[in-house]
Amino acid sequence: MEDFDMSKLQGLKLDTSFRLAQSAFDDMECRNAEIARSIEESREEREAEELRRHNELLAALKEAGEKGATIVVGDNAKGVQILNNSAGATQTMTVSEHLDYEQVGFILNEIKEYFDFPQFEKTFGDNSENVKAVVEATIAAVENREDEGFIKKSLRVLRDLAVGAAGSLIASGILAYLGTLPIG
């Protein structure tokens, strides 16, 4: 046993450790490649489905045009007017939509309740104080029945700030509330 060189044994341990590490690395590369293939296949399937739906819609529209069109108007449509291929026909439409101060006030006060959530500051970051100021000023304008144009502009600014913070539940809630108002 005295003639046995221990340094060769240590080299063998390092070589075995290297092979194990290389094997683990190779396994990770294989898994990453499988994940990338899976993502690409999923993307291709989604694009194929979108194309199929698009083509299906085009075919349905073409068929509707050949048979005589059917128009479906949603329950929240406003200011819709249809003129059906009548020679010499004309139409005029005047839409007057006034701001519902009570509804706007209710929605702004609902939005104001978000201020108390800890996630509010995280959602809007540096714009948190801007959002609060816009909401407070708009509530005051609504209570004083100020100019509708000013109030609608304030609501659009608030909407833009919420869109900038998209992805959070608070911003989504604000956008959903604002979506019920005629702010243009």
Protein backbone atom coordinates (compact mmCIF):
# COMPACT_ATOMS: atom_id res chain seq x y z
CA MET A 1 0.00 0.00 0.00
CA GLU A 2 2.93 2.31 0.53
CA ASP A 3 3.56 2.36 -3.21
CA PHE A 4 0.06 3.67 -3.99
CA ASP A 5 0.01 7.28 -5.26
CA MET A 6 -2.88 9.13 -3.56
CA SER A 7 -2.67 12.10 -5.96
CA LYS A 8 -4.12 9.90 -8.71
CA LEU A 9 -7.14 9.19 -6.52
CA GLN A 10 -7.81 12.93 -5.96
CA GLY A 11 -7.69 13.51 -9.74
CA LEU A 12 -10.24 10.75 -10.14
CA LYS A 13 -12.59 12.49 -7.65
CA LEU A 14 -12.29 15.80 -9.53
CA ASP A 15 -12.90 14.07 -12.85
CA THR A 16 -16.03 12.37 -11.43
CA SER A 17 -17.30 15.70 -10.01
CA PHE A 18 -16.73 17.37 -13.35
CA ARG A 19 -18.62 14.62 -15.18
CA LEU A 20 -21.55 14.95 -12.74
CA ALA A 21 -21.63 18.72 -13.18
CA GLN A 22 -21.40 18.38 -16.96
CA SER A 23 -24.23 15.84 -16.92
CA ALA A 24 -26.43 18.18 -14.85
CA PHE A 25 -25.61 21.06 -17.19
CA ASP A 26 -26.48 18.91 -20.23
CA ASP A 27 -29.79 17.95 -18.59
CA MET A 28 -30.61 21.63 -18.00
CA GLU A 29 -29.80 22.48 -21.61
CA CYS A 30 -32.11 19.69 -22.79
CA ARG A 31 -34.93 20.90 -20.53
CA ASN A 32 -34.45 24.48 -21.68
CA ALA A 33 -34.56 23.36 -25.30
CA GLU A 34 -37.77 21.39 -24.60
CA ILE A 35 -39.34 24.43 -22.92
CA ALA A 36 -38.34 26.68 -25.83
CA ARG A 37 -39.85 24.16 -28.30
CA SER A 38 -43.02 23.98 -26.22
CA ILE A 39 -43.33 27.77 -26.11
CA GLU A 40 -42.76 28.02 -29.86
CA GLU A 41 -45.34 25.29 -30.55
CA SER A 42 -47.84 27.06 -28.30
CA ARG A 43 -47.22 30.36 -30.09
CA GLU A 44 -47.64 28.71 -33.48
CA GLU A 45 -50.87 27.01 -32.34
CA ARG A 46 -52.22 30.32 -31.03
CA GLU A 47 -51.34 32.10 -34.28
CA ALA A 48 -52.92 29.30 -36.32
CA GLU A 49 -56.09 29.53 -34.22
CA GLU A 50 -56.20 33.33 -34.64
CA LEU A 51 -55.79 32.91 -38.40
CA ARG A 52 -58.53 30.26 -38.47
CA ARG A 53 -60.88 32.55 -36.54
CA HIS A 54 -60.02 35.47 -38.81
CA ASN A 55 -60.74 33.42 -41.91
CA GLU A 56 -63.95 32.11 -40.36
CA LEU A 57 -65.07 35.67 -39.61
CA LEU A 58 -64.25 36.81 -43.14
CA ALA A 59 -66.24 33.91 -44.57
CA ALA A 60 -69.19 34.73 -42.31
CA LEU A 61 -69.06 38.40 -43.30
CA LYS A 62 -68.90 37.47 -46.98
CA GLU A 63 -71.87 35.12 -46.58
CA ALA A 64 -73.81 37.78 -44.66
CA GLY A 65 -73.12 40.27 -47.45
CA GLU A 66 -74.37 37.82 -50.06
CA LYS A 67 -77.53 36.97 -48.12
CA GLY A 68 -78.25 40.43 -46.79
CA ALA A 69 -76.40 41.76 -43.77
CA THR A 70 -77.48 41.33 -40.21
CA ILE A 71 -76.31 43.97 -37.81
CA VAL A 72 -75.97 43.35 -34.10
CA VAL A 73 -75.74 46.36 -31.84
CA GLY A 74 -74.62 45.82 -28.26
CA ASP A 75 -76.66 47.03 -25.31
CA ASN A 76 -74.15 49.73 -24.43
CA ALA A 77 -74.02 51.22 -27.95
CA LYS A 78 -74.79 54.89 -28.13
CA GLY A 79 -75.24 57.17 -31.10
CA VAL A 80 -75.72 54.37 -33.64
CA GLN A 81 -77.36 55.23 -36.92
CA ILE A 82 -77.81 52.97 -39.96
CA LEU A 83 -78.65 53.96 -43.52
CA ASN A 84 -79.41 51.04 -45.80
CA ASN A 85 -78.31 51.58 -49.42
CA SER A 86 -81.18 53.90 -50.29
CA ALA A 87 -80.63 56.11 -53.34
CA GLY A 88 -80.72 59.78 -52.44
CA ALA A 89 -81.28 59.13 -48.74
CA THR A 90 -79.67 61.38 -46.16
CA GLN A 91 -79.47 61.29 -42.41
CA THR A 92 -78.60 63.67 -39.65
CA MET A 93 -77.99 62.78 -36.09
CA THR A 94 -77.58 64.96 -33.07
CA VAL A 95 -76.34 63.29 -29.94
CA SER A 96 -76.45 65.21 -26.74
CA GLU A 97 -74.96 63.34 -23.83
CA HIS A 98 -74.80 65.15 -20.55
CA LEU A 99 -72.58 64.16 -17.71
CA ASP A 100 -74.33 62.35 -14.87
CA TYR A 101 -72.78 64.19 -11.94
CA GLU A 102 -74.18 61.73 -9.38
CA GLN A 103 -72.74 58.71 -11.21
CA VAL A 104 -69.36 60.39 -11.65
CA GLY A 105 -69.30 61.40 -7.97
CA PHE A 106 -70.20 57.87 -6.89
CA ILE A 107 -67.45 56.34 -9.06
CA LEU A 108 -64.82 58.84 -7.93
CA ASN A 109 -65.63 58.12 -4.29
CA GLU A 110 -65.33 54.38 -5.01
CA ILE A 111 -61.93 55.02 -6.60
CA LYS A 112 -60.94 57.17 -3.60
CA GLU A 113 -61.41 54.12 -1.36
CA TYR A 114 -58.44 52.52 -3.15
CA PHE A 115 -56.20 55.16 -1.55
CA ASP A 116 -56.36 53.21 1.72
CA PHE A 117 -54.93 50.01 0.23
CA PRO A 118 -51.18 49.51 0.70
CA GLN A 119 -50.96 48.34 -2.92
CA PHE A 120 -52.13 51.75 -4.14
CA GLU A 121 -48.73 53.36 -3.57
CA LYS A 122 -46.98 50.37 -5.16
CA THR A 123 -49.31 50.43 -8.16
CA PHE A 124 -48.87 54.09 -9.03
CA GLY A 125 -45.41 54.70 -7.59
CA ASP A 126 -44.34 58.29 -8.26
CA ASN A 127 -47.78 59.05 -9.70
CA SER A 128 -49.66 58.15 -6.50
CA GLU A 129 -49.96 61.75 -5.38
CA ASN A 130 -50.98 62.83 -8.91
CA VAL A 131 -53.79 60.26 -8.96
CA LYS A 132 -54.99 61.36 -5.54
CA ALA A 133 -54.89 65.03 -6.57
CA VAL A 134 -56.82 64.39 -9.79
CA VAL A 135 -59.48 62.38 -7.94
CA GLU A 136 -59.85 65.00 -5.19
CA ALA A 137 -60.01 67.93 -7.64
CA THR A 138 -62.53 66.11 -9.83
CA ILE A 139 -64.73 65.23 -6.84
CA ALA A 140 -64.74 68.93 -5.90
CA ALA A 141 -65.60 69.90 -9.49
CA VAL A 142 -68.46 67.37 -9.55
CA GLU A 143 -69.83 68.60 -6.22
CA ASN A 144 -69.78 72.18 -7.55
CA ARG A 145 -71.32 71.09 -10.86
CA GLU A 146 -68.44 72.66 -12.75
CA ASP A 147 -67.87 72.51 -16.51
CA GLU A 148 -68.44 69.02 -17.97
CA GLY A 149 -65.44 69.48 -20.29
CA PHE A 150 -63.10 70.01 -17.35
CA ILE A 151 -64.49 66.98 -15.51
CA LYS A 152 -64.25 64.72 -18.58
CA LYS A 153 -60.68 65.88 -19.20
CA SER A 154 -59.80 65.10 -15.57
CA LEU A 155 -61.36 61.64 -15.92
CA ARG A 156 -59.33 61.02 -19.10
CA VAL A 157 -56.14 62.03 -17.25
CA LEU A 158 -57.07 59.62 -14.46
CA ARG A 159 -57.72 56.89 -17.04
CA ASP A 160 -54.32 57.52 -18.66
CA LEU A 161 -52.58 57.28 -15.28
CA ALA A 162 -54.37 53.97 -14.60
CA VAL A 163 -53.44 52.65 -18.05
CA GLY A 164 -49.82 53.52 -17.24
CA ALA A 165 -50.08 51.30 -14.15
CA ALA A 166 -51.81 48.47 -16.02
CA GLY A 167 -51.33 44.99 -14.69
CA SER A 168 -52.43 45.65 -11.14
CA LEU A 169 -55.85 44.89 -9.72
CA ILE A 170 -56.22 48.45 -8.45
CA ALA A 171 -55.49 50.00 -11.86
CA SER A 172 -57.80 47.45 -13.50
CA GLY A 173 -60.56 48.35 -11.04
CA ILE A 174 -60.14 52.06 -11.74
CA LEU A 175 -60.22 51.43 -15.48
CA ALA A 176 -63.36 49.31 -15.11
CA TYR A 177 -65.09 52.08 -13.15
CA LEU A 178 -64.04 54.74 -15.66
CA GLY A 179 -65.21 52.53 -18.52
CA THR A 180 -68.79 53.04 -17.35
CA LEU A 181 -68.57 56.81 -17.87
CA PRO A 182 -68.93 58.70 -21.16
CA ILE A 183 -65.56 60.46 -21.08
CA GLY A 184 -64.51 60.02 -24.69
